[in-house]
All heavy atoms as atom14 arrays in JSON, in Angstrom:
{
  "sequence": "RTVFGLDMSDHARATLASESYADTNPAELRCDATVLLGDPESPALGV",
  "atom14_mask": [
    [1, 1, 1, 1, 1, 1, 1, 1, 1, 1, 1, 0, 0, 0],
    [1, 1, 1, 1, 1, 1, 1, 0, 0, 0, 0, 0, 0, 0],
    [1, 1, 1, 1, 1, 1, 1, 0, 0, 0, 0, 0, 0, 0],
    [1, 1, 1, 1, 1, 1, 1, 1, 1, 1, 1, 0, 0, 0],
    [1, 1, 1, 1, 0, 0, 0, 0, 0, 0, 0, 0, 0, 0],
    [1, 1, 1, 1, 1, 1, 1, 1, 0, 0, 0, 0, 0, 0],
    [1, 1, 1, 1, 1, 1, 1, 1, 0, 0, 0, 0, 0, 0],
    [1, 1, 1, 1, 1, 1, 1, 1, 0, 0, 0, 0, 0, 0],
    [1, 1, 1, 1, 1, 1, 0, 0, 0, 0, 0, 0, 0, 0],
    [1, 1, 1, 1, 1, 1, 1, 1, 0, 0, 0, 0, 0, 0],
    [1, 1, 1, 1, 1, 1, 1, 1, 1, 1, 0, 0, 0, 0],
    [1, 1, 1, 1, 1, 0, 0, 0, 0, 0, 0, 0, 0, 0],
    [1, 1, 1, 1, 1, 1, 1, 1, 1, 1, 1, 0, 0, 0],
    [1, 1, 1, 1, 1, 0, 0, 0, 0, 0, 0, 0, 0, 0],
    [1, 1, 1, 1, 1, 1, 1, 0, 0, 0, 0, 0, 0, 0],
    [1, 1, 1, 1, 1, 1, 1, 1, 0, 0, 0, 0, 0, 0],
    [1, 1, 1, 1, 1, 0, 0, 0, 0, 0, 0, 0, 0, 0],
    [1, 1, 1, 1, 1, 1, 0, 0, 0, 0, 0, 0, 0, 0],
    [1, 1, 1, 1, 1, 1, 1, 1, 1, 0, 0, 0, 0, 0],
    [1, 1, 1, 1, 1, 1, 0, 0, 0, 0, 0, 0, 0, 0],
    [1, 1, 1, 1, 1, 1, 1, 1, 1, 1, 1, 1, 0, 0],
    [1, 1, 1, 1, 1, 0, 0, 0, 0, 0, 0, 0, 0, 0],
    [1, 1, 1, 1, 1, 1, 1, 1, 0, 0, 0, 0, 0, 0],
    [1, 1, 1, 1, 1, 1, 1, 0, 0, 0, 0, 0, 0, 0],
    [1, 1, 1, 1, 1, 1, 1, 1, 0, 0, 0, 0, 0, 0],
    [1, 1, 1, 1, 1, 1, 1, 0, 0, 0, 0, 0, 0, 0],
    [1, 1, 1, 1, 1, 0, 0, 0, 0, 0, 0, 0, 0, 0],
    [1, 1, 1, 1, 1, 1, 1, 1, 1, 0, 0, 0, 0, 0],
    [1, 1, 1, 1, 1, 1, 1, 1, 0, 0, 0, 0, 0, 0],
    [1, 1, 1, 1, 1, 1, 1, 1, 1, 1, 1, 0, 0, 0],
    [1, 1, 1, 1, 1, 1, 0, 0, 0, 0, 0, 0, 0, 0],
    [1, 1, 1, 1, 1, 1, 1, 1, 0, 0, 0, 0, 0, 0],
    [1, 1, 1, 1, 1, 0, 0, 0, 0, 0, 0, 0, 0, 0],
    [1, 1, 1, 1, 1, 1, 1, 0, 0, 0, 0, 0, 0, 0],
    [1, 1, 1, 1, 1, 1, 1, 0, 0, 0, 0, 0, 0, 0],
    [1, 1, 1, 1, 1, 1, 1, 1, 0, 0, 0, 0, 0, 0],
    [1, 1, 1, 1, 1, 1, 1, 1, 0, 0, 0, 0, 0, 0],
    [1, 1, 1, 1, 0, 0, 0, 0, 0, 0, 0, 0, 0, 0],
    [1, 1, 1, 1, 1, 1, 1, 1, 0, 0, 0, 0, 0, 0],
    [1, 1, 1, 1, 1, 1, 1, 0, 0, 0, 0, 0, 0, 0],
    [1, 1, 1, 1, 1, 1, 1, 1, 1, 0, 0, 0, 0, 0],
    [1, 1, 1, 1, 1, 1, 0, 0, 0, 0, 0, 0, 0, 0],
    [1, 1, 1, 1, 1, 1, 1, 0, 0, 0, 0, 0, 0, 0],
    [1, 1, 1, 1, 1, 0, 0, 0, 0, 0, 0, 0, 0, 0],
    [1, 1, 1, 1, 1, 1, 1, 1, 0, 0, 0, 0, 0, 0],
    [1, 1, 1, 1, 0, 0, 0, 0, 0, 0, 0, 0, 0, 0],
    [1, 1, 1, 1, 1, 1, 1, 0, 0, 0, 0, 0, 0, 0]
  ],
  "atom14_positions": [
    [[66.8, 136.04, -36.55], [66.1, 135.61, -35.34], [64.6, 135.9, -35.44], [63.77, 135.03, -35.19], [66.7, 136.33, -34.12], [66.12, 135.96, -32.8], [66.81, 136.63, -31.6], [67.36, 137.96, -31.83], [68.66, 138.23, -32.02], [69.55, 137.26, -32.02], [69.07, 139.47, -32.2], [0.0, 0.0, 0.0], [0.0, 0.0, 0.0], [0.0, 0.0, 0.0]],
    [[64.26, 137.12, -35.84], [62.86, 137.55, -35.86], [62.06, 136.94, -37.0], [60.95, 136.44, -36.8], [62.79, 139.1, -35.97], [63.55, 139.65, -34.9], [61.37, 139.58, -35.87], [0.0, 0.0, 0.0], [0.0, 0.0, 0.0], [0.0, 0.0, 0.0], [0.0, 0.0, 0.0], [0.0, 0.0, 0.0], [0.0, 0.0, 0.0], [0.0, 0.0, 0.0]],
    [[62.61, 136.95, -38.2], [61.88, 136.51, -39.38], [61.92, 134.99, -39.54], [60.91, 134.36, -39.86], [62.43, 137.2, -40.65], [61.73, 136.68, -41.9], [62.28, 138.71, -40.54], [0.0, 0.0, 0.0], [0.0, 0.0, 0.0], [0.0, 0.0, 0.0], [0.0, 0.0, 0.0], [0.0, 0.0, 0.0], [0.0, 0.0, 0.0], [0.0, 0.0, 0.0]],
    [[63.09, 134.39, -39.3], [63.25, 132.96, -39.56], [63.29, 132.1, -38.3], [63.38, 130.88, -38.39], [64.51, 132.71, -40.4], [64.46, 133.38, -41.74], [65.2, 134.52, -41.98], [63.67, 132.88, -42.75], [65.16, 135.15, -43.22], [63.6, 133.5, -43.99], [64.35, 134.64, -44.22], [0.0, 0.0, 0.0], [0.0, 0.0, 0.0], [0.0, 0.0, 0.0]],
    [[63.26, 132.74, -37.12], [63.25, 132.0, -35.88], [64.55, 131.27, -35.58], [64.56, 130.31, -34.81], [0.0, 0.0, 0.0], [0.0, 0.0, 0.0], [0.0, 0.0, 0.0], [0.0, 0.0, 0.0], [0.0, 0.0, 0.0], [0.0, 0.0, 0.0], [0.0, 0.0, 0.0], [0.0, 0.0, 0.0], [0.0, 0.0, 0.0], [0.0, 0.0, 0.0]],
    [[65.67, 131.72, -36.15], [66.96, 131.07, -35.92], [67.57, 131.57, -34.61], [67.45, 132.73, -34.25], [67.92, 131.37, -37.08], [67.49, 130.85, -38.44], [68.46, 131.31, -39.51], [67.37, 129.34, -38.43], [0.0, 0.0, 0.0], [0.0, 0.0, 0.0], [0.0, 0.0, 0.0], [0.0, 0.0, 0.0], [0.0, 0.0, 0.0], [0.0, 0.0, 0.0]],
    [[68.23, 130.67, -33.89], [68.89, 131.03, -32.63], [70.21, 131.71, -32.96], [71.13, 131.08, -33.45], [69.12, 129.78, -31.79], [69.8, 130.09, -30.47], [69.84, 131.29, -30.09], [70.28, 129.16, -29.82], [0.0, 0.0, 0.0], [0.0, 0.0, 0.0], [0.0, 0.0, 0.0], [0.0, 0.0, 0.0], [0.0, 0.0, 0.0], [0.0, 0.0, 0.0]],
    [[70.29, 132.99, -32.68], [71.49, 133.77, -32.95], [72.19, 134.19, -31.67], [73.03, 135.08, -31.68], [71.12, 135.03, -33.76], [70.58, 134.76, -35.14], [71.9, 134.31, -36.28], [71.67, 132.57, -36.47], [0.0, 0.0, 0.0], [0.0, 0.0, 0.0], [0.0, 0.0, 0.0], [0.0, 0.0, 0.0], [0.0, 0.0, 0.0], [0.0, 0.0, 0.0]],
    [[71.87, 133.55, -30.55], [72.42, 133.97, -29.26], [73.94, 133.84, -29.18], [74.59, 134.58, -28.45], [71.76, 133.2, -28.13], [71.96, 131.81, -28.31], [0.0, 0.0, 0.0], [0.0, 0.0, 0.0], [0.0, 0.0, 0.0], [0.0, 0.0, 0.0], [0.0, 0.0, 0.0], [0.0, 0.0, 0.0], [0.0, 0.0, 0.0], [0.0, 0.0, 0.0]],
    [[74.52, 132.9, -29.91], [75.97, 132.71, -29.88], [76.72, 133.69, -30.77], [77.94, 133.71, -30.78], [76.33, 131.29, -30.31], [75.86, 130.25, -29.31], [75.63, 130.62, -28.15], [75.72, 129.08, -29.71], [0.0, 0.0, 0.0], [0.0, 0.0, 0.0], [0.0, 0.0, 0.0], [0.0, 0.0, 0.0], [0.0, 0.0, 0.0], [0.0, 0.0, 0.0]],
    [[76.0, 134.46, -31.54], [76.62, 135.35, -32.52], [76.3, 136.81, -32.18], [75.64, 137.51, -32.93], [76.13, 135.02, -33.93], [76.19, 133.55, -34.24], [77.38, 132.86, -34.32], [75.23, 132.65, -34.48], [77.13, 131.59, -34.6], [75.83, 131.44, -34.7], [0.0, 0.0, 0.0], [0.0, 0.0, 0.0], [0.0, 0.0, 0.0], [0.0, 0.0, 0.0]],
    [[76.8, 137.26, -31.05], [76.46, 138.59, -30.56], [77.09, 139.71, -31.38], [76.56, 140.79, -31.45], [76.89, 138.73, -29.1], [0.0, 0.0, 0.0], [0.0, 0.0, 0.0], [0.0, 0.0, 0.0], [0.0, 0.0, 0.0], [0.0, 0.0, 0.0], [0.0, 0.0, 0.0], [0.0, 0.0, 0.0], [0.0, 0.0, 0.0], [0.0, 0.0, 0.0]],
    [[78.21, 139.44, -32.01], [78.93, 140.48, -32.74], [78.73, 140.31, -34.24], [78.87, 139.22, -34.78], [80.41, 140.39, -32.4], [81.21, 141.52, -32.9], [82.59, 141.46, -32.3], [83.39, 142.56, -32.81], [84.67, 142.7, -32.56], [85.29, 141.81, -31.83], [85.34, 143.71, -33.05], [0.0, 0.0, 0.0], [0.0, 0.0, 0.0], [0.0, 0.0, 0.0]],
    [[78.43, 141.41, -34.94], [78.25, 141.39, -36.39], [79.16, 142.44, -37.01], [79.18, 143.59, -36.58], [76.79, 141.68, -36.76], [0.0, 0.0, 0.0], [0.0, 0.0, 0.0], [0.0, 0.0, 0.0], [0.0, 0.0, 0.0], [0.0, 0.0, 0.0], [0.0, 0.0, 0.0], [0.0, 0.0, 0.0], [0.0, 0.0, 0.0], [0.0, 0.0, 0.0]],
    [[79.95, 142.04, -38.01], [80.85, 142.96, -38.7], [80.71, 142.78, -40.2], [80.4, 141.69, -40.68], [82.33, 142.71, -38.3], [82.64, 141.34, -38.55], [82.58, 143.04, -36.86], [0.0, 0.0, 0.0], [0.0, 0.0, 0.0], [0.0, 0.0, 0.0], [0.0, 0.0, 0.0], [0.0, 0.0, 0.0], [0.0, 0.0, 0.0], [0.0, 0.0, 0.0]],
    [[80.96, 143.85, -40.94], [80.93, 143.76, -42.4], [82.2, 143.12, -42.91], [83.26, 143.24, -42.3], [80.79, 145.16, -43.01], [79.43, 145.83, -42.86], [79.48, 147.23, -43.43], [78.35, 145.02, -43.54], [0.0, 0.0, 0.0], [0.0, 0.0, 0.0], [0.0, 0.0, 0.0], [0.0, 0.0, 0.0], [0.0, 0.0, 0.0], [0.0, 0.0, 0.0]],
    [[82.1, 142.48, -44.06], [83.26, 141.89, -44.73], [83.2, 142.29, -46.2], [82.26, 142.95, -46.64], [83.24, 140.37, -44.58], [0.0, 0.0, 0.0], [0.0, 0.0, 0.0], [0.0, 0.0, 0.0], [0.0, 0.0, 0.0], [0.0, 0.0, 0.0], [0.0, 0.0, 0.0], [0.0, 0.0, 0.0], [0.0, 0.0, 0.0], [0.0, 0.0, 0.0]],
    [[84.17, 141.88, -46.95], [84.25, 142.24, -48.37], [83.08, 141.65, -49.15], [82.62, 140.55, -48.88], [85.56, 141.72, -48.96], [85.59, 141.93, -50.35], [0.0, 0.0, 0.0], [0.0, 0.0, 0.0], [0.0, 0.0, 0.0], [0.0, 0.0, 0.0], [0.0, 0.0, 0.0], [0.0, 0.0, 0.0], [0.0, 0.0, 0.0], [0.0, 0.0, 0.0]],
    [[82.64, 142.4, -50.16], [81.58, 141.92, -51.05], [82.14, 141.18, -52.26], [81.39, 140.73, -53.11], [80.72, 143.1, -51.55], [79.89, 143.76, -50.49], [80.62, 144.88, -49.76], [81.7, 145.28, -50.22], [80.11, 145.34, -48.75], [0.0, 0.0, 0.0], [0.0, 0.0, 0.0], [0.0, 0.0, 0.0], [0.0, 0.0, 0.0], [0.0, 0.0, 0.0]],
    [[83.46, 141.06, -52.36], [84.1, 140.39, -53.49], [84.52, 138.97, -53.11], [85.03, 138.75, -52.01], [85.34, 141.15, -53.94], [84.98, 142.42, -54.42], [0.0, 0.0, 0.0], [0.0, 0.0, 0.0], [0.0, 0.0, 0.0], [0.0, 0.0, 0.0], [0.0, 0.0, 0.0], [0.0, 0.0, 0.0], [0.0, 0.0, 0.0], [0.0, 0.0, 0.0]],
    [[84.32, 138.04, -54.02], [84.7, 136.66, -53.81], [85.5, 136.19, -55.0], [85.0, 136.15, -56.12], [83.45, 135.78, -53.64], [82.64, 136.2, -52.44], [81.59, 137.08, -52.58], [82.97, 135.74, -51.18], [80.87, 137.5, -51.47], [82.25, 136.14, -50.07], [81.21, 137.02, -50.22], [80.51, 137.43, -49.13], [0.0, 0.0, 0.0], [0.0, 0.0, 0.0]],
    [[86.75, 135.86, -54.77], [87.6, 135.38, -55.85], [87.8, 133.88, -55.67], [87.84, 133.37, -54.56], [88.94, 136.1, -55.83], [0.0, 0.0, 0.0], [0.0, 0.0, 0.0], [0.0, 0.0, 0.0], [0.0, 0.0, 0.0], [0.0, 0.0, 0.0], [0.0, 0.0, 0.0], [0.0, 0.0, 0.0], [0.0, 0.0, 0.0], [0.0, 0.0, 0.0]],
    [[87.92, 133.19, -56.77], [88.14, 131.75, -56.77], [89.44, 131.49, -57.5], [90.12, 132.41, -57.94], [86.95, 131.09, -57.49], [86.85, 129.61, -57.18], [87.75, 129.06, -56.53], [85.86, 129.0, -57.61], [0.0, 0.0, 0.0], [0.0, 0.0, 0.0], [0.0, 0.0, 0.0], [0.0, 0.0, 0.0], [0.0, 0.0, 0.0], [0.0, 0.0, 0.0]],
    [[89.8, 130.24, -57.65], [90.99, 129.93, -58.43], [90.79, 130.27, -59.9], [91.75, 130.48, -60.61], [91.35, 128.44, -58.29], [90.22, 127.65, -58.63], [91.79, 128.13, -56.88], [0.0, 0.0, 0.0], [0.0, 0.0, 0.0], [0.0, 0.0, 0.0], [0.0, 0.0, 0.0], [0.0, 0.0, 0.0], [0.0, 0.0, 0.0], [0.0, 0.0, 0.0]],
    [[89.53, 130.33, -60.33], [89.24, 130.8, -61.68], [89.35, 132.32, -61.7], [89.13, 132.97, -60.69], [87.82, 130.4, -62.1], [87.68, 128.9, -62.24], [88.63, 128.21, -62.57], [86.49, 128.41, -61.98], [0.0, 0.0, 0.0], [0.0, 0.0, 0.0], [0.0, 0.0, 0.0], [0.0, 0.0, 0.0], [0.0, 0.0, 0.0], [0.0, 0.0, 0.0]],
    [[89.64, 132.9, -62.85], [89.76, 134.36, -62.91], [88.43, 135.09, -62.69], [88.42, 136.28, -62.48], [90.31, 134.64, -64.3], [90.46, 133.34, -64.98], [90.03, 132.26, -64.07], [0.0, 0.0, 0.0], [0.0, 0.0, 0.0], [0.0, 0.0, 0.0], [0.0, 0.0, 0.0], [0.0, 0.0, 0.0], [0.0, 0.0, 0.0], [0.0, 0.0, 0.0]],
    [[87.32, 134.38, -62.74], [86.03, 135.04, -62.57], [85.9, 135.6, -61.16], [86.34, 135.0, -60.19], [84.9, 134.06, -62.84], [0.0, 0.0, 0.0], [0.0, 0.0, 0.0], [0.0, 0.0, 0.0], [0.0, 0.0, 0.0], [0.0, 0.0, 0.0], [0.0, 0.0, 0.0], [0.0, 0.0, 0.0], [0.0, 0.0, 0.0], [0.0, 0.0, 0.0]],
    [[85.31, 136.76, -61.05], [85.09, 137.38, -59.76], [83.59, 137.47, -59.51], [82.84, 137.84, -60.39], [85.7, 138.78, -59.73], [85.54, 139.46, -58.4], [86.17, 140.84, -58.37], [87.04, 141.12, -59.21], [85.76, 141.63, -57.52], [0.0, 0.0, 0.0], [0.0, 0.0, 0.0], [0.0, 0.0, 0.0], [0.0, 0.0, 0.0], [0.0, 0.0, 0.0]],
    [[83.18, 137.11, -58.31], [81.78, 137.18, -57.93], [81.61, 138.26, -56.87], [82.46, 138.42, -56.0], [81.31, 135.83, -57.37], [81.5, 134.64, -58.28], [81.15, 133.36, -57.54], [80.65, 134.79, -59.53], [0.0, 0.0, 0.0], [0.0, 0.0, 0.0], [0.0, 0.0, 0.0], [0.0, 0.0, 0.0], [0.0, 0.0, 0.0], [0.0, 0.0, 0.0]],
    [[80.52, 139.0, -56.94], [80.24, 140.05, -55.97], [78.82, 139.91, -55.46], [77.93, 139.54, -56.2], [80.4, 141.44, -56.58], [81.82, 141.81, -56.89], [81.89, 143.25, -57.4], [83.25, 143.61, -57.65], [84.01, 144.28, -56.8], [83.52, 144.67, -55.65], [85.25, 144.58, -57.1], [0.0, 0.0, 0.0], [0.0, 0.0, 0.0], [0.0, 0.0, 0.0]],
    [[78.65, 140.24, -54.19], [77.31, 140.28, -53.61], [77.05, 141.71, -53.16], [77.93, 142.57, -53.23], [77.19, 139.29, -52.46], [78.22, 139.72, -51.06], [0.0, 0.0, 0.0], [0.0, 0.0, 0.0], [0.0, 0.0, 0.0], [0.0, 0.0, 0.0], [0.0, 0.0, 0.0], [0.0, 0.0, 0.0], [0.0, 0.0, 0.0], [0.0, 0.0, 0.0]],
    [[75.85, 141.97, -52.67], [75.51, 143.32, -52.23], [76.14, 143.66, -50.88], [76.58, 144.78, -50.66], [73.99, 143.49, -52.14], [73.35, 143.51, -53.53], [74.0, 143.97, -54.48], [72.2, 143.07, -53.65], [0.0, 0.0, 0.0], [0.0, 0.0, 0.0], [0.0, 0.0, 0.0], [0.0, 0.0, 0.0], [0.0, 0.0, 0.0], [0.0, 0.0, 0.0]],
    [[76.22, 142.71, -49.97], [76.85, 142.93, -48.66], [77.16, 141.58, -48.03], [76.5, 140.58, -48.33], [75.95, 143.74, -47.74], [0.0, 0.0, 0.0], [0.0, 0.0, 0.0], [0.0, 0.0, 0.0], [0.0, 0.0, 0.0], [0.0, 0.0, 0.0], [0.0, 0.0, 0.0], [0.0, 0.0, 0.0], [0.0, 0.0, 0.0], [0.0, 0.0, 0.0]],
    [[78.15, 141.57, -47.16], [78.52, 140.37, -46.41], [78.67, 140.74, -44.95], [79.34, 141.72, -44.63], [79.85, 139.78, -46.91], [79.74, 139.51, -48.3], [80.19, 138.49, -46.19], [0.0, 0.0, 0.0], [0.0, 0.0, 0.0], [0.0, 0.0, 0.0], [0.0, 0.0, 0.0], [0.0, 0.0, 0.0], [0.0, 0.0, 0.0], [0.0, 0.0, 0.0]],
    [[78.05, 139.98, -44.06], [78.13, 140.23, -42.62], [78.68, 138.97, -41.94], [78.2, 137.87, -42.2], [76.75, 140.59, -42.04], [76.82, 140.76, -40.54], [76.2, 141.86, -42.7], [0.0, 0.0, 0.0], [0.0, 0.0, 0.0], [0.0, 0.0, 0.0], [0.0, 0.0, 0.0], [0.0, 0.0, 0.0], [0.0, 0.0, 0.0], [0.0, 0.0, 0.0]],
    [[79.7, 139.16, -41.11], [80.27, 138.06, -40.34], [79.71, 138.12, -38.93], [79.62, 139.2, -38.34], [81.79, 138.17, -40.29], [82.51, 138.14, -41.63], [84.01, 138.33, -41.42], [82.22, 136.85, -42.38], [0.0, 0.0, 0.0], [0.0, 0.0, 0.0], [0.0, 0.0, 0.0], [0.0, 0.0, 0.0], [0.0, 0.0, 0.0], [0.0, 0.0, 0.0]],
    [[79.33, 136.98, -38.39], [78.78, 136.9, -37.04], [79.76, 136.2, -36.13], [80.29, 135.15, -36.47], [77.43, 136.18, -37.05], [76.38, 136.79, -37.95], [75.11, 135.96, -37.91], [76.08, 138.23, -37.58], [0.0, 0.0, 0.0], [0.0, 0.0, 0.0], [0.0, 0.0, 0.0], [0.0, 0.0, 0.0], [0.0, 0.0, 0.0], [0.0, 0.0, 0.0]],
    [[79.98, 136.78, -34.98], [80.95, 136.25, -34.03], [82.24, 137.04, -34.12], [82.28, 138.16, -34.62], [0.0, 0.0, 0.0], [0.0, 0.0, 0.0], [0.0, 0.0, 0.0], [0.0, 0.0, 0.0], [0.0, 0.0, 0.0], [0.0, 0.0, 0.0], [0.0, 0.0, 0.0], [0.0, 0.0, 0.0], [0.0, 0.0, 0.0], [0.0, 0.0, 0.0]],
    [[83.32, 136.46, -33.65], [84.63, 137.1, -33.67], [85.06, 137.35, -35.12], [85.12, 136.4, -35.91], [85.64, 136.19, -32.97], [87.05, 136.76, -32.94], [87.26, 137.89, -33.45], [87.93, 136.08, -32.41], [0.0, 0.0, 0.0], [0.0, 0.0, 0.0], [0.0, 0.0, 0.0], [0.0, 0.0, 0.0], [0.0, 0.0, 0.0], [0.0, 0.0, 0.0]],
    [[85.37, 138.59, -35.5], [85.75, 138.87, -36.89], [86.99, 138.11, -37.35], [87.15, 137.83, -38.53], [86.02, 140.38, -36.9], [85.36, 140.92, -35.69], [85.31, 139.81, -34.69], [0.0, 0.0, 0.0], [0.0, 0.0, 0.0], [0.0, 0.0, 0.0], [0.0, 0.0, 0.0], [0.0, 0.0, 0.0], [0.0, 0.0, 0.0], [0.0, 0.0, 0.0]],
    [[87.88, 137.76, -36.42], [89.09, 137.0, -36.77], [88.8, 135.52, -37.0], [89.53, 134.84, -37.7], [90.14, 137.16, -35.67], [90.59, 138.6, -35.46], [91.2, 139.21, -36.7], [91.96, 138.52, -37.4], [90.88, 140.38, -36.99], [0.0, 0.0, 0.0], [0.0, 0.0, 0.0], [0.0, 0.0, 0.0], [0.0, 0.0, 0.0], [0.0, 0.0, 0.0]],
    [[87.73, 135.03, -36.4], [87.34, 133.62, -36.53], [85.82, 133.54, -36.47], [85.24, 133.04, -35.5], [87.98, 132.81, -35.4], [87.6, 131.46, -35.52], [0.0, 0.0, 0.0], [0.0, 0.0, 0.0], [0.0, 0.0, 0.0], [0.0, 0.0, 0.0], [0.0, 0.0, 0.0], [0.0, 0.0, 0.0], [0.0, 0.0, 0.0], [0.0, 0.0, 0.0]],
    [[85.13, 134.04, -37.51], [83.67, 134.11, -37.46], [83.01, 132.74, -37.39], [83.51, 131.77, -37.95], [83.29, 134.84, -38.74], [84.46, 134.69, -39.64], [85.67, 134.52, -38.77], [0.0, 0.0, 0.0], [0.0, 0.0, 0.0], [0.0, 0.0, 0.0], [0.0, 0.0, 0.0], [0.0, 0.0, 0.0], [0.0, 0.0, 0.0], [0.0, 0.0, 0.0]],
    [[81.89, 132.69, -36.7], [81.11, 131.45, -36.58], [80.16, 131.29, -37.75], [79.77, 130.18, -38.1], [80.34, 131.45, -35.28], [0.0, 0.0, 0.0], [0.0, 0.0, 0.0], [0.0, 0.0, 0.0], [0.0, 0.0, 0.0], [0.0, 0.0, 0.0], [0.0, 0.0, 0.0], [0.0, 0.0, 0.0], [0.0, 0.0, 0.0], [0.0, 0.0, 0.0]],
    [[79.78, 132.41, -38.37], [78.78, 132.37, -39.44], [78.99, 133.57, -40.35], [79.35, 134.66, -39.9], [77.38, 132.43, -38.81], [76.17, 132.31, -39.72], [76.11, 130.93, -40.37], [74.9, 132.54, -38.91], [0.0, 0.0, 0.0], [0.0, 0.0, 0.0], [0.0, 0.0, 0.0], [0.0, 0.0, 0.0], [0.0, 0.0, 0.0], [0.0, 0.0, 0.0]],
    [[78.79, 133.37, -41.63], [78.82, 134.46, -42.6], [77.5, 134.53, -43.33], [76.93, 133.49, -43.67], [0.0, 0.0, 0.0], [0.0, 0.0, 0.0], [0.0, 0.0, 0.0], [0.0, 0.0, 0.0], [0.0, 0.0, 0.0], [0.0, 0.0, 0.0], [0.0, 0.0, 0.0], [0.0, 0.0, 0.0], [0.0, 0.0, 0.0], [0.0, 0.0, 0.0]],
    [[77.0, 135.73, -43.54], [75.71, 135.91, -44.21], [75.92, 136.79, -45.43], [76.45, 137.89, -45.33], [74.67, 136.57, -43.27], [73.35, 136.77, -43.98], [74.48, 135.73, -42.0], [0.0, 0.0, 0.0], [0.0, 0.0, 0.0], [0.0, 0.0, 0.0], [0.0, 0.0, 0.0], [0.0, 0.0, 0.0], [0.0, 0.0, 0.0], [0.0, 0.0, 0.0]]
  ]
}
């Protein structure tokens, strides 16, 4: 919201998620952190 001017009003709740991403290929991808915005059971946005 502050840096990029994006409207985040609909995403009041932020929760952490796994940093691991598996695909149908055996390769595994990892990021430093993942944050879900909105309801954790049905997030509206993932960062």
